[in-house]
């Protein structure tokens, strides 16, 4: 399960899977902030990211048409 343990994502954020949650740790010099995402919350995050991509693509297509 090495692929699911303590992976650095960038910007001080590390992720791992505890068997149920996707756990995100924001590590700073002084402390660590932890967020444990349940499957439904992770799905909502993925859906949110997808809506951002769709909005961006729609905007990019509109911009191309105005050139």
Protein backbone atom coordinates (compact mmCIF):
# COMPACT_ATOMS: atom_id res chain seq x y z
CA UNK A 1 0.00 0.00 0.00
CA UNK A 2 3.02 2.29 -0.43
CA UNK A 3 1.31 4.31 -3.19
CA UNK A 4 -1.41 5.29 -0.72
CA UNK A 5 0.91 6.43 2.06
CA UNK A 6 2.13 9.98 2.62
CA UNK A 7 2.43 11.42 -0.87
CA UNK A 8 3.54 15.03 -1.30
CA UNK A 9 1.04 16.92 -3.48
CA UNK A 10 2.72 20.35 -3.44
CA UNK A 11 2.34 23.63 -1.53
CA UNK A 12 3.08 21.89 1.78
CA UNK A 13 0.20 19.42 1.33
CA UNK A 14 0.66 15.70 1.91
CA UNK A 15 -2.00 13.03 1.34
CA UNK A 16 -2.51 9.48 2.46
CA UNK A 17 -5.32 6.95 2.58
CA UNK A 18 -6.23 5.40 5.92
CA UNK A 19 -8.53 2.74 4.53
CA UNK A 20 -11.62 4.98 4.57
CA UNK A 21 -10.61 8.66 4.48
CA UNK A 22 -8.32 10.54 2.16
CA UNK A 23 -6.31 12.48 4.70
CA UNK A 24 -4.74 15.80 3.73
CA UNK A 25 -2.04 17.27 5.95
CA UNK A 26 -0.89 20.85 5.55
CA UNK A 27 2.54 20.83 7.12
CA UNK A 28 4.19 24.02 8.26
CA UNK A 29 7.21 24.63 10.42
CA UNK A 30 5.11 25.17 13.54
CA UNK A 31 2.17 22.79 13.08
CA UNK A 32 0.15 20.45 10.91
CA UNK A 33 -3.46 20.94 9.92
CA UNK A 34 -5.31 17.75 9.05
CA UNK A 35 -8.47 17.25 6.98
CA UNK A 36 -9.97 13.76 6.68
CA UNK A 37 -12.24 13.54 3.63
CA UNK A 38 -14.97 10.90 3.71
CA UNK A 39 -15.72 9.28 0.33
CA UNK A 40 -18.79 11.48 -0.28
CA UNK A 41 -16.84 14.65 0.50
CA UNK A 42 -13.99 13.59 -1.77
CA UNK A 43 -16.52 12.89 -4.54
CA UNK A 44 -17.97 16.39 -4.02
CA UNK A 45 -14.44 17.84 -4.30
CA UNK A 46 -13.82 15.93 -7.54
CA UNK A 47 -17.19 17.12 -8.90
CA UNK A 48 -16.26 20.70 -7.98
CA UNK A 49 -12.95 20.38 -9.82
CA UNK A 50 -14.80 19.03 -12.85
CA UNK A 51 -17.19 22.00 -12.84
CA UNK A 52 -14.21 24.37 -12.74
CA UNK A 53 -12.67 22.61 -15.75
CA UNK A 54 -15.95 22.80 -17.66
CA UNK A 55 -16.34 26.50 -16.89
CA UNK A 56 -12.75 27.16 -17.93
CA UNK A 57 -13.11 25.23 -21.16
CA UNK A 58 -16.37 27.02 -21.96
CA UNK A 59 -14.67 30.35 -21.35
CA UNK A 60 -11.64 29.35 -23.41
CA UNK A 61 -13.87 28.33 -26.32
CA UNK A 62 -15.71 31.68 -26.15
CA UNK A 63 -12.41 33.59 -26.10
CA UNK A 64 -11.16 31.70 -29.15
CA UNK A 65 -14.33 32.61 -31.07
CA UNK A 66 -13.76 36.34 -30.40
CA UNK A 67 -10.26 36.49 -31.93
